[in-house]
Amino acid sequence: MIDFNAIALVFSVYVVGVVIPGPNFVGIAHRAASGTTREALAMVGGTVLVNLFWASCAILGIGVVFATLPWIALAVKIVGASYLIWFGGRLIANARHAGADSPARGGPGGVARAFRAGIVTNIGNPKAMAFYAAIFSAAAPRHVSLPTFLCMLGVVAVVASLWYGFVAVVFSTPAVAARYRRGKAWIDRVCGAVIVSLGVRQLLVR
């Protein structure tokens, strides 16, 4: 049997959580404006994959591992925050190097790197686990049936894919990309500063 009430609750809460801008939004928007649509969508794919992983962990109760072994959560937190700080710092440092008219780079290598970036940005954020744990502890029944479990994962996959896919497509349109290239230096510095601040915040906030 499918618990439609639980699925509806998951949908309503998850939509709000996903739409609120965070590292995923900033990373995908920047990748779309500075690279290609394929690269941005590849980053979306990595992001959605990890979202499904965290959702599965929350539904299956694996989040208790973080509570039982807090050093694991601390290690993941430090690695994830370090990556965000490195990535943001790299944006700031390289902001002045590429010219405003330099073409966006694409190709299989760029797509693979973008996919990995989507994974690393999410897998190193233990707050994502807390977010999913909060959603599914309130919405999921104590013993989740397989159909309900799959439907919940379907909600996560569809909502995340549609929202982040929309961000990727909008920010990779010629008009937006052209504006990015004209203001590349300061846009990269702003995006880099935001990402660094998110990394620092992740380190400092419990």
Protein backbone atom coordinates (compact mmCIF):
# COMPACT_ATOMS: atom_id res chain seq x y z
CA MET A 1 0.00 0.00 0.00
CA ILE A 2 1.15 3.52 -0.79
CA ASP A 3 0.86 6.10 2.00
CA PHE A 4 -0.28 9.12 -0.06
CA ASN A 5 -0.56 11.35 3.01
CA ALA A 6 3.11 10.80 3.83
CA ILE A 7 4.11 11.43 0.21
CA ALA A 8 2.10 14.67 0.08
CA LEU A 9 3.77 15.88 3.29
CA VAL A 10 7.21 15.06 1.93
CA PHE A 11 6.42 16.94 -1.28
CA SER A 12 5.17 20.10 0.46
CA VAL A 13 8.16 20.35 2.80
CA TYR A 14 10.78 19.29 0.26
CA VAL A 15 9.70 21.86 -2.34
CA VAL A 16 10.24 24.70 0.13
CA GLY A 17 13.62 23.35 1.22
CA VAL A 18 14.93 22.89 -2.31
CA VAL A 19 13.85 26.28 -3.65
CA ILE A 20 15.65 28.20 -0.88
CA PRO A 21 19.03 29.24 -2.40
CA GLY A 22 22.10 27.47 -1.04
CA PRO A 23 25.40 25.98 -2.31
CA ASN A 24 23.55 23.90 -4.92
CA PHE A 25 21.80 26.93 -6.41
CA VAL A 26 24.94 29.06 -6.50
CA GLY A 27 27.09 26.28 -7.92
CA ILE A 28 24.65 25.28 -10.66
CA ALA A 29 23.85 28.87 -11.63
CA HIS A 30 27.52 29.72 -11.91
CA ARG A 31 28.32 26.57 -13.88
CA ALA A 32 25.45 27.31 -16.28
CA ALA A 33 26.46 30.93 -16.87
CA SER A 34 30.19 30.26 -17.18
CA GLY A 35 30.10 26.91 -18.99
CA THR A 36 27.58 25.04 -21.10
CA THR A 37 24.06 23.75 -20.59
CA ARG A 38 25.39 20.17 -20.70
CA GLU A 39 27.85 20.91 -17.91
CA ALA A 40 25.17 22.57 -15.81
CA LEU A 41 22.79 19.66 -16.31
CA ALA A 42 25.60 17.23 -15.46
CA MET A 43 26.06 19.08 -12.18
CA VAL A 44 22.31 18.80 -11.64
CA GLY A 45 22.64 15.04 -12.18
CA GLY A 46 25.32 14.79 -9.47
CA THR A 47 23.24 16.92 -7.13
CA VAL A 48 20.09 14.83 -7.62
CA LEU A 49 22.03 11.59 -7.16
CA VAL A 50 23.30 12.67 -3.75
CA ASN A 51 19.87 14.00 -2.80
CA LEU A 52 18.50 10.53 -3.45
CA PHE A 53 21.29 9.04 -1.33
CA TRP A 54 20.53 11.33 1.63
CA ALA A 55 16.80 10.70 1.28
CA SER A 56 17.35 6.93 1.26
CA CYS A 57 19.53 7.20 4.37
CA ALA A 58 16.89 9.24 6.17
CA ILE A 59 14.02 6.93 5.23
CA LEU A 60 15.99 3.84 6.25
CA GLY A 61 17.07 5.43 9.53
CA ILE A 62 20.77 5.48 8.74
CA GLY A 63 20.92 9.01 10.10
CA VAL A 64 21.20 7.42 13.55
CA VAL A 65 24.81 6.63 12.62
CA PHE A 66 25.65 10.32 12.77
CA ALA A 67 24.03 10.58 16.19
CA THR A 68 25.81 7.46 17.47
CA LEU A 69 29.19 8.25 15.91
CA PRO A 70 29.41 12.06 15.84
CA TRP A 71 33.02 11.98 14.64
CA ILE A 72 31.77 10.73 11.26
CA ALA A 73 29.46 13.72 10.95
CA LEU A 74 32.34 16.01 12.00
CA ALA A 75 34.67 14.52 9.38
CA VAL A 76 32.07 14.89 6.64
CA LYS A 77 31.38 18.44 7.78
CA ILE A 78 35.07 19.44 7.65
CA VAL A 79 35.64 17.85 4.24
CA GLY A 80 32.53 19.47 2.77
CA ALA A 81 33.28 22.89 4.23
CA SER A 82 36.89 22.69 3.05
CA TYR A 83 35.73 21.93 -0.47
CA LEU A 84 33.33 24.89 -0.49
CA ILE A 85 36.05 27.24 0.80
CA TRP A 86 38.53 25.93 -1.77
CA PHE A 87 36.02 26.18 -4.61
CA GLY A 88 34.95 29.71 -3.66
CA GLY A 89 38.54 30.82 -3.17
CA ARG A 90 39.45 29.43 -6.58
CA LEU A 91 36.63 31.45 -8.17
CA ILE A 92 37.87 34.63 -6.52
CA ALA A 93 41.52 34.00 -7.43
CA ASN A 94 40.78 33.18 -11.08
CA ALA A 95 38.12 35.87 -11.60
CA ARG A 96 40.50 38.28 -13.33
CA HIS A 97 42.32 35.74 -15.54
CA ALA A 98 39.74 34.96 -18.26
CA GLY A 99 38.65 37.72 -20.60
CA ALA A 100 35.06 38.84 -20.90
CA ASP A 101 34.82 37.45 -24.41
CA SER A 102 36.42 34.08 -23.71
CA PRO A 103 34.20 31.24 -24.89
CA ALA A 104 32.70 28.78 -22.45
CA ARG A 105 34.48 25.47 -22.30
CA GLY A 106 32.61 22.26 -22.84
CA GLY A 107 33.27 18.68 -23.79
CA PRO A 108 33.25 15.35 -21.99
CA GLY A 109 35.91 16.43 -19.47
CA GLY A 110 33.89 19.47 -18.46
CA VAL A 111 30.73 17.39 -18.15
CA ALA A 112 32.48 14.81 -15.96
CA ARG A 113 33.99 17.50 -13.74
CA ALA A 114 30.61 19.19 -13.39
CA PHE A 115 28.97 15.89 -12.40
CA ARG A 116 31.65 15.30 -9.75
CA ALA A 117 31.25 18.87 -8.47
CA GLY A 118 27.53 18.23 -7.97
CA ILE A 119 28.34 15.11 -5.95
CA VAL A 120 31.09 16.62 -3.80
CA THR A 121 29.13 19.78 -2.98
CA ASN A 122 26.28 17.67 -1.59
CA ILE A 123 28.00 14.66 -0.09
CA GLY A 124 30.13 16.94 2.07
CA ASN A 125 27.15 18.67 3.63
CA PRO A 126 25.89 16.80 6.70
CA LYS A 127 23.19 19.44 7.12
CA ALA A 128 21.55 17.83 4.09
CA MET A 129 21.28 14.66 6.14
CA ALA A 130 19.67 16.66 8.96
CA PHE A 131 17.26 18.26 6.48
CA TYR A 132 16.15 14.90 5.08
CA ALA A 133 16.01 13.33 8.53
CA ALA A 134 13.69 16.11 9.68
CA ILE A 135 11.42 15.64 6.66
CA PHE A 136 11.18 11.89 6.72
CA SER A 137 11.07 11.45 10.48
CA ALA A 138 7.91 13.56 10.43
CA ALA A 139 6.42 12.19 7.23
CA ALA A 140 7.52 8.58 6.88
CA PRO A 141 5.64 5.88 8.77
CA ARG A 142 7.66 3.75 11.19
CA HIS A 143 7.73 0.85 8.72
CA VAL A 144 7.83 2.22 5.19
CA SER A 145 6.48 -0.06 2.48
CA LEU A 146 8.55 -0.49 -0.66
CA PRO A 147 6.01 1.34 -2.89
CA THR A 148 5.90 4.31 -0.47
CA PHE A 149 9.70 4.33 -0.26
CA LEU A 150 10.02 4.41 -4.05
CA CYS A 151 7.37 7.12 -4.36
CA MET A 152 9.19 9.28 -1.82
CA LEU A 153 12.42 8.91 -3.76
CA GLY A 154 10.46 9.73 -6.89
CA VAL A 155 9.29 12.99 -5.29
CA VAL A 156 12.89 13.90 -4.43
CA ALA A 157 14.15 13.03 -7.93
CA VAL A 158 11.40 14.89 -9.80
CA VAL A 159 11.36 18.05 -7.65
CA ALA A 160 15.16 18.38 -7.51
CA SER A 161 15.56 17.65 -11.23
CA LEU A 162 12.88 20.14 -12.27
CA TRP A 163 14.05 22.97 -10.02
CA TYR A 164 17.79 22.66 -10.55
CA GLY A 165 17.25 21.84 -14.23
CA PHE A 166 15.24 25.06 -14.53
CA VAL A 167 18.08 27.00 -12.88
CA ALA A 168 20.61 25.38 -15.22
CA VAL A 169 18.63 26.16 -18.38
CA VAL A 170 17.77 29.75 -17.39
CA PHE A 171 21.31 30.70 -16.43
CA SER A 172 22.79 29.10 -19.56
CA THR A 173 20.60 31.07 -21.97
CA PRO A 174 22.62 33.31 -24.35
CA ALA A 175 21.34 36.53 -22.78
CA VAL A 176 22.23 35.51 -19.22
CA ALA A 177 25.54 33.97 -20.30
CA ALA A 178 26.46 37.13 -22.23
CA ARG A 179 25.74 39.27 -19.18
CA TYR A 180 27.88 36.93 -17.12
CA ARG A 181 30.80 37.26 -19.53
CA ARG A 182 30.55 41.04 -19.46
CA GLY A 183 30.66 41.13 -15.67
CA LYS A 184 32.65 37.94 -15.15
CA ALA A 185 35.26 39.34 -12.76
CA TRP A 186 32.89 40.78 -10.18
CA ILE A 187 30.26 38.03 -10.60
CA ASP A 188 32.91 35.36 -9.92
CA ARG A 189 34.13 37.30 -6.90
CA VAL A 190 30.59 37.61 -5.52
CA CYS A 191 29.79 33.93 -6.17
CA GLY A 192 33.14 32.92 -4.70
CA ALA A 193 32.57 35.03 -1.60
CA VAL A 194 29.10 33.53 -1.12
CA ILE A 195 30.42 29.98 -1.46
CA VAL A 196 33.34 30.66 0.91
CA SER A 197 30.93 32.16 3.46
CA LEU A 198 28.73 29.07 3.20
CA GLY A 199 31.78 26.88 3.83
CA VAL A 200 32.86 28.95 6.82
CA ARG A 201 29.31 28.93 8.16
CA GLN A 202 29.21 25.15 7.82
CA LEU A 203 32.38 24.91 9.92
CA LEU A 204 31.20 27.28 12.64
CA VAL A 205 27.51 26.48 12.99
CA ARG A 206 26.56 23.30 14.82
